[in-house]
Amino acid sequence: MAAPKRRRRFLLGWSEWRRAHQAVAARCRAAKWAARQGRGTSEPLKAASIAPEETYLTDEQWASVRPLLPPQKGQIGRPAHDHREVLGGVLWVARTGSSWREMPEEFGKWERAYRRHELWVKQGLWQRILRVLGEEDLPEPTTKEPN
């Protein structure tokens, strides 16, 4: 490699990160495939322990949480994604202890839920949401960026 030392270090680090990312993605795909085929994996998916319907917010819960959340985007730009739907997905991940990638599609994209959760944690909003819902003891979803 004739590249400068700094560039080589970057490329090697990138290569290691990419391999780790691909390994995690392969495990997720294998688990999803096994679940669709009705076969069990070496360890059962935690996702099956709580149905998505159980994490929907009731109208009463939503009314108490809604004032805490920032306003939805206006008419300009991309269409806003419903806070209620995204919050349901984040709560599903937190309650099941599953990975972000295993989040059911009915809550939208897992990437969106992950980014919004991270934003709410940085703003200190996540703890207030849990307090209002009475779930302070709920384990924190993994805040490490998914690979």
N, C-alpha and C. Protein backbone atom coordinates (compact mmCIF):
# COMPACT_ATOMS: atom_id res chain seq x y z
N MET A 1 0.84 -1.17 0.00
CA MET A 1 0.00 0.00 0.00
C MET A 1 0.89 1.23 0.00
N ALA A 2 0.78 1.98 -1.04
CA ALA A 2 1.60 3.17 -1.19
C ALA A 2 0.92 4.40 -0.59
N ALA A 3 -0.26 4.25 -0.03
CA ALA A 3 -0.98 5.38 0.55
C ALA A 3 -0.29 5.84 1.84
N PRO A 4 -0.49 7.10 2.20
CA PRO A 4 0.10 7.59 3.45
C PRO A 4 -0.41 6.78 4.64
N LYS A 5 0.38 6.80 5.70
CA LYS A 5 0.08 6.01 6.89
C LYS A 5 -1.31 6.33 7.45
N ARG A 6 -1.68 7.58 7.47
CA ARG A 6 -2.97 8.00 8.00
C ARG A 6 -4.12 7.40 7.17
N ARG A 7 -3.97 7.41 5.87
CA ARG A 7 -4.98 6.87 4.97
C ARG A 7 -5.12 5.36 5.14
N ARG A 8 -3.99 4.67 5.28
CA ARG A 8 -4.02 3.21 5.49
C ARG A 8 -4.75 2.88 6.78
N ARG A 9 -4.47 3.64 7.85
CA ARG A 9 -5.13 3.42 9.12
C ARG A 9 -6.65 3.60 8.98
N PHE A 10 -7.04 4.64 8.26
CA PHE A 10 -8.46 4.88 8.02
C PHE A 10 -9.09 3.72 7.27
N LEU A 11 -8.45 3.27 6.19
CA LEU A 11 -9.00 2.19 5.39
C LEU A 11 -9.11 0.89 6.17
N LEU A 12 -8.12 0.59 6.99
CA LEU A 12 -8.19 -0.62 7.80
C LEU A 12 -9.30 -0.53 8.84
N GLY A 13 -9.45 0.63 9.46
CA GLY A 13 -10.54 0.82 10.42
C GLY A 13 -11.90 0.69 9.75
N TRP A 14 -12.01 1.27 8.56
CA TRP A 14 -13.25 1.19 7.82
C TRP A 14 -13.56 -0.26 7.47
N SER A 15 -12.56 -1.00 7.06
CA SER A 15 -12.75 -2.39 6.70
C SER A 15 -13.23 -3.21 7.89
N GLU A 16 -12.65 -2.98 9.07
CA GLU A 16 -13.09 -3.70 10.28
C GLU A 16 -14.53 -3.35 10.62
N TRP A 17 -14.88 -2.06 10.54
CA TRP A 17 -16.25 -1.64 10.84
C TRP A 17 -17.23 -2.30 9.88
N ARG A 18 -16.88 -2.32 8.60
CA ARG A 18 -17.76 -2.88 7.59
C ARG A 18 -18.00 -4.37 7.82
N ARG A 19 -16.94 -5.11 8.14
CA ARG A 19 -17.11 -6.54 8.42
C ARG A 19 -18.02 -6.76 9.62
N ALA A 20 -17.84 -5.96 10.67
CA ALA A 20 -18.69 -6.10 11.85
C ALA A 20 -20.15 -5.78 11.49
N HIS A 21 -20.35 -4.73 10.71
CA HIS A 21 -21.69 -4.34 10.28
C HIS A 21 -22.35 -5.46 9.47
N GLN A 22 -21.61 -6.05 8.56
CA GLN A 22 -22.15 -7.11 7.74
C GLN A 22 -22.48 -8.35 8.57
N ALA A 23 -21.70 -8.62 9.59
CA ALA A 23 -21.96 -9.77 10.45
C ALA A 23 -23.26 -9.58 11.22
N VAL A 24 -23.48 -8.38 11.76
CA VAL A 24 -24.72 -8.11 12.49
C VAL A 24 -25.91 -8.21 11.55
N ALA A 25 -25.79 -7.62 10.37
CA ALA A 25 -26.88 -7.66 9.40
C ALA A 25 -27.19 -9.11 8.99
N ALA A 26 -26.17 -9.92 8.83
CA ALA A 26 -26.38 -11.32 8.46
C ALA A 26 -27.11 -12.08 9.57
N ARG A 27 -26.74 -11.81 10.84
CA ARG A 27 -27.44 -12.46 11.95
C ARG A 27 -28.90 -12.05 12.00
N CYS A 28 -29.17 -10.76 11.77
CA CYS A 28 -30.56 -10.29 11.77
C CYS A 28 -31.36 -10.93 10.64
N ARG A 29 -30.76 -11.01 9.46
CA ARG A 29 -31.45 -11.64 8.34
C ARG A 29 -31.72 -13.11 8.63
N ALA A 30 -30.77 -13.80 9.22
CA ALA A 30 -30.94 -15.22 9.53
C ALA A 30 -32.05 -15.41 10.55
N ALA A 31 -32.10 -14.55 11.57
CA ALA A 31 -33.13 -14.66 12.59
C ALA A 31 -34.51 -14.37 11.99
N LYS A 32 -34.59 -13.37 11.14
CA LYS A 32 -35.86 -13.03 10.49
C LYS A 32 -36.32 -14.17 9.59
N TRP A 33 -35.39 -14.75 8.83
CA TRP A 33 -35.73 -15.84 7.94
C TRP A 33 -36.21 -17.05 8.74
N ALA A 34 -35.51 -17.37 9.83
CA ALA A 34 -35.90 -18.51 10.66
C ALA A 34 -37.29 -18.28 11.26
N ALA A 35 -37.57 -17.04 11.68
CA ALA A 35 -38.87 -16.75 12.25
C ALA A 35 -39.97 -16.89 11.20
N ARG A 36 -39.69 -16.46 9.98
CA ARG A 36 -40.69 -16.59 8.90
C ARG A 36 -40.93 -18.04 8.52
N GLN A 37 -39.92 -18.86 8.62
CA GLN A 37 -40.04 -20.27 8.27
C GLN A 37 -40.67 -21.07 9.39
N GLY A 38 -40.86 -20.44 10.56
CA GLY A 38 -41.47 -21.14 11.68
C GLY A 38 -40.48 -21.98 12.46
N ARG A 39 -39.21 -21.86 12.11
CA ARG A 39 -38.19 -22.62 12.84
C ARG A 39 -37.62 -21.75 13.93
N GLY A 40 -37.20 -22.36 14.98
CA GLY A 40 -36.56 -21.62 16.04
C GLY A 40 -35.09 -21.43 15.74
N THR A 41 -34.49 -20.41 16.31
CA THR A 41 -33.06 -20.21 16.20
C THR A 41 -32.42 -20.79 17.45
N SER A 42 -31.13 -20.62 17.59
CA SER A 42 -30.46 -21.16 18.77
C SER A 42 -31.02 -20.54 20.04
N GLU A 43 -31.44 -19.28 19.98
CA GLU A 43 -32.15 -18.67 21.10
C GLU A 43 -33.41 -18.03 20.55
N PRO A 44 -34.52 -18.16 21.25
CA PRO A 44 -35.77 -17.61 20.72
C PRO A 44 -35.71 -16.10 20.63
N LEU A 45 -36.40 -15.55 19.64
CA LEU A 45 -36.44 -14.10 19.48
C LEU A 45 -37.25 -13.49 20.63
N LYS A 46 -36.72 -12.46 21.23
CA LYS A 46 -37.44 -11.77 22.28
C LYS A 46 -38.63 -11.03 21.70
N ALA A 47 -38.56 -10.72 20.43
CA ALA A 47 -39.60 -9.94 19.78
C ALA A 47 -40.96 -10.61 19.90
N ALA A 48 -40.99 -11.93 19.97
CA ALA A 48 -42.25 -12.63 20.01
C ALA A 48 -42.93 -12.50 21.37
N SER A 49 -42.22 -12.03 22.38
CA SER A 49 -42.79 -11.97 23.72
C SER A 49 -43.84 -10.87 23.87
N ILE A 50 -43.76 -9.81 23.09
CA ILE A 50 -44.74 -8.72 23.17
C ILE A 50 -45.25 -8.42 21.77
N ALA A 51 -46.55 -8.53 21.61
CA ALA A 51 -47.15 -8.22 20.31
C ALA A 51 -47.15 -6.71 20.11
N PRO A 52 -47.01 -6.24 18.88
CA PRO A 52 -47.01 -4.80 18.63
C PRO A 52 -48.26 -4.11 19.16
N GLU A 53 -49.39 -4.80 19.14
CA GLU A 53 -50.63 -4.20 19.61
C GLU A 53 -50.56 -3.81 21.08
N GLU A 54 -49.75 -4.54 21.85
CA GLU A 54 -49.64 -4.27 23.28
C GLU A 54 -48.85 -3.00 23.57
N THR A 55 -48.10 -2.50 22.60
CA THR A 55 -47.30 -1.30 22.84
C THR A 55 -47.96 -0.04 22.30
N TYR A 56 -49.13 -0.18 21.67
CA TYR A 56 -49.82 1.01 21.21
C TYR A 56 -50.19 1.87 22.41
N LEU A 57 -50.07 3.17 22.23
CA LEU A 57 -50.46 4.09 23.29
C LEU A 57 -51.97 4.26 23.28
N THR A 58 -52.57 4.24 24.47
CA THR A 58 -54.00 4.53 24.55
C THR A 58 -54.19 6.02 24.30
N ASP A 59 -55.42 6.41 24.04
CA ASP A 59 -55.70 7.83 23.80
C ASP A 59 -55.36 8.66 25.04
N GLU A 60 -55.59 8.10 26.20
CA GLU A 60 -55.28 8.80 27.45
C GLU A 60 -53.77 8.99 27.61
N GLN A 61 -53.00 7.94 27.35
CA GLN A 61 -51.54 8.04 27.43
C GLN A 61 -51.02 9.03 26.41
N TRP A 62 -51.55 8.97 25.20
CA TRP A 62 -51.10 9.87 24.15
C TRP A 62 -51.39 11.32 24.52
N ALA A 63 -52.55 11.57 25.11
CA ALA A 63 -52.91 12.93 25.52
C ALA A 63 -51.95 13.46 26.57
N SER A 64 -51.42 12.58 27.42
CA SER A 64 -50.49 13.05 28.45
C SER A 64 -49.07 13.22 27.91
N VAL A 65 -48.69 12.46 26.89
CA VAL A 65 -47.34 12.54 26.33
C VAL A 65 -47.23 13.62 25.25
N ARG A 66 -48.28 13.83 24.51
CA ARG A 66 -48.23 14.74 23.35
C ARG A 66 -47.71 16.14 23.66
N PRO A 67 -48.10 16.77 24.79
CA PRO A 67 -47.58 18.12 25.06
C PRO A 67 -46.05 18.16 25.26
N LEU A 68 -45.45 17.03 25.63
CA LEU A 68 -44.01 17.00 25.84
C LEU A 68 -43.22 17.02 24.53
N LEU A 69 -43.82 16.48 23.48
CA LEU A 69 -43.11 16.31 22.22
C LEU A 69 -43.05 17.60 21.43
N PRO A 70 -41.98 17.77 20.65
CA PRO A 70 -41.89 18.95 19.79
C PRO A 70 -43.00 18.91 18.74
N PRO A 71 -43.37 20.06 18.20
CA PRO A 71 -44.44 20.06 17.20
C PRO A 71 -44.02 19.32 15.93
N GLN A 72 -45.00 18.73 15.28
CA GLN A 72 -44.74 18.07 14.01
C GLN A 72 -44.36 19.14 12.99
N LYS A 73 -43.60 18.77 11.98
CA LYS A 73 -43.19 19.73 10.95
C LYS A 73 -44.42 20.27 10.23
N GLY A 74 -44.26 21.44 9.69
CA GLY A 74 -45.34 22.09 8.97
C GLY A 74 -45.52 21.53 7.58
N GLN A 75 -46.09 22.32 6.69
CA GLN A 75 -46.42 21.89 5.34
C GLN A 75 -45.21 21.93 4.40
N ILE A 76 -44.14 22.60 4.80
CA ILE A 76 -42.98 22.74 3.93
C ILE A 76 -42.03 21.56 4.15
N GLY A 77 -41.46 21.07 3.08
CA GLY A 77 -40.48 19.99 3.18
C GLY A 77 -41.14 18.62 3.14
N ARG A 78 -40.41 17.64 3.64
CA ARG A 78 -40.91 16.27 3.64
C ARG A 78 -42.10 16.13 4.57
N PRO A 79 -42.98 15.19 4.29
CA PRO A 79 -44.11 14.97 5.19
C PRO A 79 -43.60 14.48 6.55
N ALA A 80 -44.23 14.97 7.59
CA ALA A 80 -43.83 14.58 8.94
C ALA A 80 -44.26 13.14 9.23
N HIS A 81 -43.48 12.47 10.05
CA HIS A 81 -43.84 11.12 10.47
C HIS A 81 -44.45 11.24 11.86
N ASP A 82 -45.53 10.57 12.05
CA ASP A 82 -46.32 10.68 13.25
C ASP A 82 -45.52 10.30 14.50
N HIS A 83 -45.48 11.22 15.47
CA HIS A 83 -44.77 10.96 16.73
C HIS A 83 -45.36 9.74 17.43
N ARG A 84 -46.67 9.58 17.36
CA ARG A 84 -47.32 8.48 18.07
C ARG A 84 -46.85 7.13 17.53
N GLU A 85 -46.76 7.01 16.22
CA GLU A 85 -46.30 5.77 15.59
C GLU A 85 -44.85 5.48 15.96
N VAL A 86 -44.00 6.50 15.87
CA VAL A 86 -42.58 6.33 16.16
C VAL A 86 -42.38 6.00 17.65
N LEU A 87 -43.11 6.70 18.52
CA LEU A 87 -43.00 6.43 19.95
C LEU A 87 -43.42 5.01 20.27
N GLY A 88 -44.44 4.51 19.58
CA GLY A 88 -44.85 3.12 19.77
C GLY A 88 -43.73 2.15 19.42
N GLY A 89 -43.01 2.45 18.34
CA GLY A 89 -41.88 1.60 17.95
C GLY A 89 -40.75 1.64 18.96
N VAL A 90 -40.44 2.83 19.46
CA VAL A 90 -39.37 2.96 20.46
C VAL A 90 -39.76 2.22 21.73
N LEU A 91 -41.01 2.35 22.14
CA LEU A 91 -41.48 1.63 23.34
C LEU A 91 -41.44 0.12 23.11
N TRP A 92 -41.76 -0.33 21.90
CA TRP A 92 -41.70 -1.76 21.62
C TRP A 92 -40.27 -2.28 21.78
N VAL A 93 -39.31 -1.53 21.25
CA VAL A 93 -37.90 -1.94 21.36
C VAL A 93 -37.48 -1.96 22.83
N ALA A 94 -37.88 -0.93 23.58
CA ALA A 94 -37.50 -0.85 24.99
C ALA A 94 -38.14 -1.97 25.81
N ARG A 95 -39.40 -2.26 25.55
CA ARG A 95 -40.11 -3.27 26.34
C ARG A 95 -39.67 -4.69 26.02
N THR A 96 -39.32 -4.95 24.77
CA THR A 96 -38.93 -6.32 24.40
C THR A 96 -37.44 -6.56 24.57
N GLY A 97 -36.64 -5.48 24.56
CA GLY A 97 -35.19 -5.66 24.63
C GLY A 97 -34.62 -6.13 23.30
N SER A 98 -35.40 -6.04 22.25
CA SER A 98 -34.96 -6.47 20.92
C SER A 98 -34.06 -5.43 20.29
N SER A 99 -33.46 -5.81 19.19
CA SER A 99 -32.64 -4.85 18.46
C SER A 99 -33.55 -3.93 17.66
N TRP A 100 -33.01 -2.81 17.26
CA TRP A 100 -33.78 -1.85 16.46
C TRP A 100 -34.23 -2.47 15.15
N ARG A 101 -33.39 -3.32 14.58
CA ARG A 101 -33.71 -3.92 13.28
C ARG A 101 -34.89 -4.88 13.35
N GLU A 102 -35.20 -5.38 14.53
CA GLU A 102 -36.30 -6.33 14.68
C GLU A 102 -37.64 -5.63 14.91
N MET A 103 -37.64 -4.31 14.95
CA MET A 103 -38.87 -3.56 15.20
C MET A 103 -39.88 -3.85 14.08
N PRO A 104 -41.13 -4.14 14.44
CA PRO A 104 -42.14 -4.44 13.41
C PRO A 104 -42.32 -3.26 12.44
N GLU A 105 -42.60 -3.59 11.21
CA GLU A 105 -42.72 -2.58 10.16
C GLU A 105 -43.91 -1.66 10.36
N GLU A 106 -44.89 -2.09 11.15
CA GLU A 106 -46.07 -1.24 11.35
C GLU A 106 -45.76 0.03 12.15
N PHE A 107 -44.58 0.09 12.76
CA PHE A 107 -44.16 1.29 13.47
C PHE A 107 -43.32 2.20 12.58
N GLY A 108 -43.16 1.83 11.34
CA GLY A 108 -42.33 2.62 10.43
C GLY A 108 -40.92 2.05 10.37
N LYS A 109 -40.03 2.83 9.81
CA LYS A 109 -38.65 2.39 9.66
C LYS A 109 -37.93 2.41 11.01
N TRP A 110 -37.12 1.39 11.24
CA TRP A 110 -36.39 1.32 12.51
C TRP A 110 -35.38 2.45 12.60
N GLU A 111 -34.82 2.87 11.47
CA GLU A 111 -33.83 3.94 11.48
C GLU A 111 -34.44 5.24 12.00
N ARG A 112 -35.67 5.51 11.60
CA ARG A 112 -36.36 6.72 12.04
C ARG A 112 -36.60 6.68 13.56
N ALA A 113 -37.06 5.53 14.05
CA ALA A 113 -37.31 5.40 15.48
C ALA A 113 -36.01 5.54 16.27
N TYR A 114 -34.94 4.95 15.76
CA TYR A 114 -33.65 5.03 16.43
C TYR A 114 -33.17 6.49 16.50
N ARG A 115 -33.24 7.19 15.36
CA ARG A 115 -32.77 8.58 15.34
C ARG A 115 -33.61 9.46 16.25
N ARG A 116 -34.91 9.27 16.25
CA ARG A 116 -35.77 10.09 17.10
C ARG A 116 -35.52 9.77 18.57
N HIS A 117 -35.31 8.50 18.90
CA HIS A 117 -35.00 8.13 20.27
C HIS A 117 -33.71 8.80 20.73
N GLU A 118 -32.69 8.74 19.89
CA GLU A 118 -31.42 9.38 20.23
C GLU A 118 -31.58 10.88 20.44
N LEU A 119 -32.37 11.53 19.61
CA LEU A 119 -32.63 12.96 19.75
C LEU A 119 -33.34 13.24 21.07
N TRP A 120 -34.34 12.44 21.39
CA TRP A 120 -35.08 12.65 22.63
C TRP A 120 -34.21 12.40 23.85
N VAL A 121 -33.30 11.44 23.77
CA VAL A 121 -32.39 11.19 24.90
C VAL A 121 -31.47 12.39 25.08
N LYS A 122 -30.91 12.93 24.01
CA LYS A 122 -30.01 14.09 24.10
C LYS A 122 -30.73 15.30 24.66
N GLN A 123 -32.01 15.44 24.34
CA GLN A 123 -32.78 16.58 24.81
C GLN A 123 -33.32 16.37 26.23
N GLY A 124 -33.16 15.17 26.77
CA GLY A 124 -33.69 14.87 28.10
C GLY A 124 -35.18 14.58 28.07
N LEU A 125 -35.72 14.43 26.90
CA LEU A 125 -37.16 14.23 26.73
C LEU A 125 -37.57 12.79 27.02
N TRP A 126 -36.70 11.84 26.74
CA TRP A 126 -37.05 10.42 26.90
C TRP A 126 -37.40 10.09 28.35
N GLN A 127 -36.61 10.58 29.30
CA GLN A 127 -36.90 10.31 30.70
C GLN A 127 -38.23 10.92 31.13
N ARG A 128 -38.54 12.11 30.60
CA ARG A 128 -39.83 12.74 30.94
C ARG A 128 -40.99 11.94 30.35
N ILE A 129 -40.80 11.40 29.14
CA ILE A 129 -41.86 10.58 28.54
C ILE A 129 -42.10 9.34 29.39
N LEU A 130 -41.02 8.68 29.79
CA LEU A 130 -41.16 7.48 30.63
C LEU A 130 -41.82 7.81 31.96
N ARG A 131 -41.47 8.96 32.54
CA ARG A 131 -42.06 9.37 33.81
C ARG A 131 -43.57 9.57 33.67
N VAL A 132 -43.98 10.24 32.58
CA VAL A 132 -45.41 10.48 32.35
C VAL A 132 -46.15 9.17 32.14
N LEU A 133 -45.52 8.22 31.45
CA LEU A 133 -46.15 6.93 31.20
C LEU A 133 -46.06 5.99 32.40
N GLY A 134 -45.29 6.39 33.42
CA GLY A 134 -45.13 5.55 34.61
C GLY A 134 -44.23 4.36 34.37
N GLU A 135 -43.27 4.50 33.49
CA GLU A 135 -42.38 3.39 33.16
C GLU A 135 -40.92 3.76 33.36
N GLU A 136 -40.61 4.42 34.48
CA GLU A 136 -39.24 4.85 34.74
C GLU A 136 -38.28 3.67 34.83
N ASP A 137 -38.80 2.51 35.24
CA ASP A 137 -37.95 1.32 35.40
C ASP A 137 -37.74 0.57 34.09
N LEU A 138 -38.32 1.07 33.00
CA LEU A 138 -38.15 0.43 31.69
C LEU A 138 -36.69 0.49 31.28
N PRO A 139 -36.09 -0.65 30.86
CA PRO A 139 -34.69 -0.61 30.44
C PRO A 139 -34.51 0.27 29.22
N GLU A 140 -33.39 0.95 29.18
CA GLU A 140 -33.06 1.84 28.06
C GLU A 140 -32.75 1.01 26.83
N PRO A 141 -33.38 1.34 25.68
CA PRO A 141 -32.97 0.63 24.45
C PRO A 141 -31.49 0.90 24.20
N THR A 142 -30.85 -0.01 23.54
CA THR A 142 -29.43 0.18 23.28
C THR A 142 -29.23 1.47 22.54
N THR A 143 -28.37 2.34 23.11
CA THR A 143 -28.14 3.63 22.49
C THR A 143 -26.95 3.56 21.56
N LYS A 144 -26.25 2.44 21.57
CA LYS A 144 -25.15 2.28 20.63
C LYS A 144 -25.74 2.18 19.24
N GLU A 145 -25.12 2.90 18.31
CA GLU A 145 -25.64 2.92 16.94
C GLU A 145 -25.63 1.51 16.37
N PRO A 146 -26.78 1.07 15.83
CA PRO A 146 -26.83 -0.29 15.29
C PRO A 146 -25.90 -0.44 14.09
N ASN A 147 -25.31 -1.64 14.00
CA ASN A 147 -24.40 -1.90 12.88
C ASN A 147 -25.12 -2.57 11.75
